[in-house]
């Protein structure tokens, strides 16, 4: 797979990013993926240009898969660049639609978070 070297901020100001829990788990957990680590490094290097939107469900999933020390590192990473969304804002019909096409509950909330945050950001 060919990789593209990222520009300073891909030509955007205020990029809103929604990541799956696996990106955090494989960047900070006991089993690491260098690409996930690099992704978080790029985000950390650009706090004025990249903001993260995350649901409480994803935070809970990350917490259950990291050691307490790694979870603390995760929370410090999120500090000041993150909006934590409440999962209760997801309409039941939308969750059922995503479930019917094979998404997990955390993915429902990520998709909904992305859609609603993009409108308000």
Protein backbone atom coordinates (compact mmCIF):
# COMPACT_ATOMS: atom_id res chain seq x y z
CA UNK A 1 0.00 0.00 0.00
CA UNK A 2 1.36 3.39 -0.98
CA UNK A 3 1.46 5.95 1.79
CA UNK A 4 1.00 9.67 1.39
CA UNK A 5 3.14 12.02 3.41
CA UNK A 6 0.78 14.36 5.27
CA UNK A 7 1.04 18.06 4.69
CA UNK A 8 1.06 20.56 7.52
CA UNK A 9 -2.69 20.28 7.99
CA UNK A 10 -3.93 18.93 4.65
CA UNK A 11 -5.01 22.45 3.67
CA UNK A 12 -7.73 22.61 6.32
CA UNK A 13 -8.15 24.63 9.44
CA UNK A 14 -9.95 23.05 12.36
CA UNK A 15 -10.06 19.47 11.08
CA UNK A 16 -12.55 17.46 13.15
CA UNK A 17 -11.50 13.82 13.46
CA UNK A 18 -13.42 10.80 14.74
CA UNK A 19 -11.33 7.69 15.43
CA UNK A 20 -12.35 4.15 16.24
CA UNK A 21 -11.32 2.78 19.64
CA UNK A 22 -8.80 0.46 17.95
CA UNK A 23 -6.66 3.42 16.86
CA UNK A 24 -6.21 4.42 20.51
CA UNK A 25 -5.85 0.84 21.77
CA UNK A 26 -3.17 -0.09 19.23
CA UNK A 27 -1.31 3.19 19.73
CA UNK A 28 -1.23 2.99 23.55
CA UNK A 29 -1.90 -0.64 24.49
CA UNK A 30 0.40 -3.56 25.10
CA UNK A 31 0.16 -4.68 21.45
CA UNK A 32 1.22 -1.70 19.34
CA UNK A 33 0.74 -0.80 15.70
CA UNK A 34 3.29 1.73 14.40
CA UNK A 35 0.70 3.32 12.09
CA UNK A 36 -1.66 3.97 15.00
CA UNK A 37 1.20 5.42 17.03
CA UNK A 38 2.15 7.68 14.09
CA UNK A 39 -1.45 8.84 13.71
CA UNK A 40 -1.61 9.95 17.35
CA UNK A 41 1.81 11.60 17.00
CA UNK A 42 0.58 13.64 14.03
CA UNK A 43 -2.52 14.69 15.97
CA UNK A 44 -0.41 15.62 19.02
CA UNK A 45 1.91 17.72 16.83
CA UNK A 46 -1.04 19.72 15.41
CA UNK A 47 -3.31 20.58 18.36
CA UNK A 48 -4.33 23.91 16.83
CA UNK A 49 -5.49 22.27 13.58
CA UNK A 50 -6.85 18.85 14.52
CA UNK A 51 -9.67 18.31 17.00
CA UNK A 52 -11.06 14.95 18.09
CA UNK A 53 -14.69 14.13 18.68
CA UNK A 54 -15.25 10.96 20.71
CA UNK A 55 -18.25 9.28 22.27
CA UNK A 56 -18.39 8.11 25.87
CA UNK A 57 -18.94 4.58 24.54
CA UNK A 58 -15.57 4.66 22.76
CA UNK A 59 -13.90 6.07 25.88
CA UNK A 60 -15.35 3.16 27.86
CA UNK A 61 -14.16 0.62 25.27
CA UNK A 62 -10.66 2.09 25.29
CA UNK A 63 -10.62 2.06 29.10
CA UNK A 64 -11.56 -1.63 29.19
CA UNK A 65 -8.67 -2.51 26.84
CA UNK A 66 -5.84 -0.47 28.36
CA UNK A 67 -3.92 -0.65 31.61
CA UNK A 68 -4.66 2.14 34.09
CA UNK A 69 -1.34 3.79 33.16
CA UNK A 70 -2.07 3.62 29.42
CA UNK A 71 -5.62 4.92 30.00
CA UNK A 72 -4.18 7.90 31.87
CA UNK A 73 -1.91 8.56 28.86
CA UNK A 74 -5.01 8.32 26.62
CA UNK A 75 -6.91 10.86 28.73
CA UNK A 76 -3.94 13.23 28.74
CA UNK A 77 -3.76 12.91 24.95
CA UNK A 78 -7.44 13.84 24.65
CA UNK A 79 -7.18 16.80 27.00
CA UNK A 80 -7.74 20.18 25.26
CA UNK A 81 -8.28 18.76 21.78
CA UNK A 82 -11.42 16.71 22.30
CA UNK A 83 -15.16 17.01 22.51
CA UNK A 84 -16.73 14.04 24.31
CA UNK A 85 -20.21 13.38 22.97
CA UNK A 86 -23.02 11.78 24.93
CA UNK A 87 -24.24 8.56 23.35
CA UNK A 88 -27.79 9.31 24.48
CA UNK A 89 -28.08 11.81 21.61
CA UNK A 90 -28.22 8.98 19.06
CA UNK A 91 -31.76 8.42 17.78
CA UNK A 92 -32.90 4.80 18.20
CA UNK A 93 -33.83 4.53 14.52
CA UNK A 94 -30.33 5.58 13.45
CA UNK A 95 -28.70 3.03 15.78
CA UNK A 96 -31.00 0.30 14.44
CA UNK A 97 -30.14 1.28 10.85
CA UNK A 98 -26.39 1.02 11.52
CA UNK A 99 -26.80 -2.26 13.40
CA UNK A 100 -28.76 -3.73 10.48
CA UNK A 101 -25.81 -3.11 8.16
CA UNK A 102 -23.34 -4.70 10.57
CA UNK A 103 -21.89 -1.87 12.66
CA UNK A 104 -21.04 -2.32 16.36
CA UNK A 105 -22.63 0.04 18.94
CA UNK A 106 -19.45 2.15 19.30
CA UNK A 107 -19.40 2.60 15.53
CA UNK A 108 -23.04 3.82 15.60
CA UNK A 109 -22.07 6.57 18.00
CA UNK A 110 -18.96 7.51 16.02
CA UNK A 111 -20.91 7.89 12.80
CA UNK A 112 -23.62 9.91 14.52
CA UNK A 113 -21.03 12.03 16.32
CA UNK A 114 -19.26 12.72 13.06
CA UNK A 115 -22.48 13.75 11.33
CA UNK A 116 -23.74 16.04 14.10
CA UNK A 117 -20.34 17.55 14.95
CA UNK A 118 -19.56 18.32 11.34
CA UNK A 119 -22.72 20.41 11.26
CA UNK A 120 -21.82 22.38 14.39
CA UNK A 121 -18.04 22.69 14.05
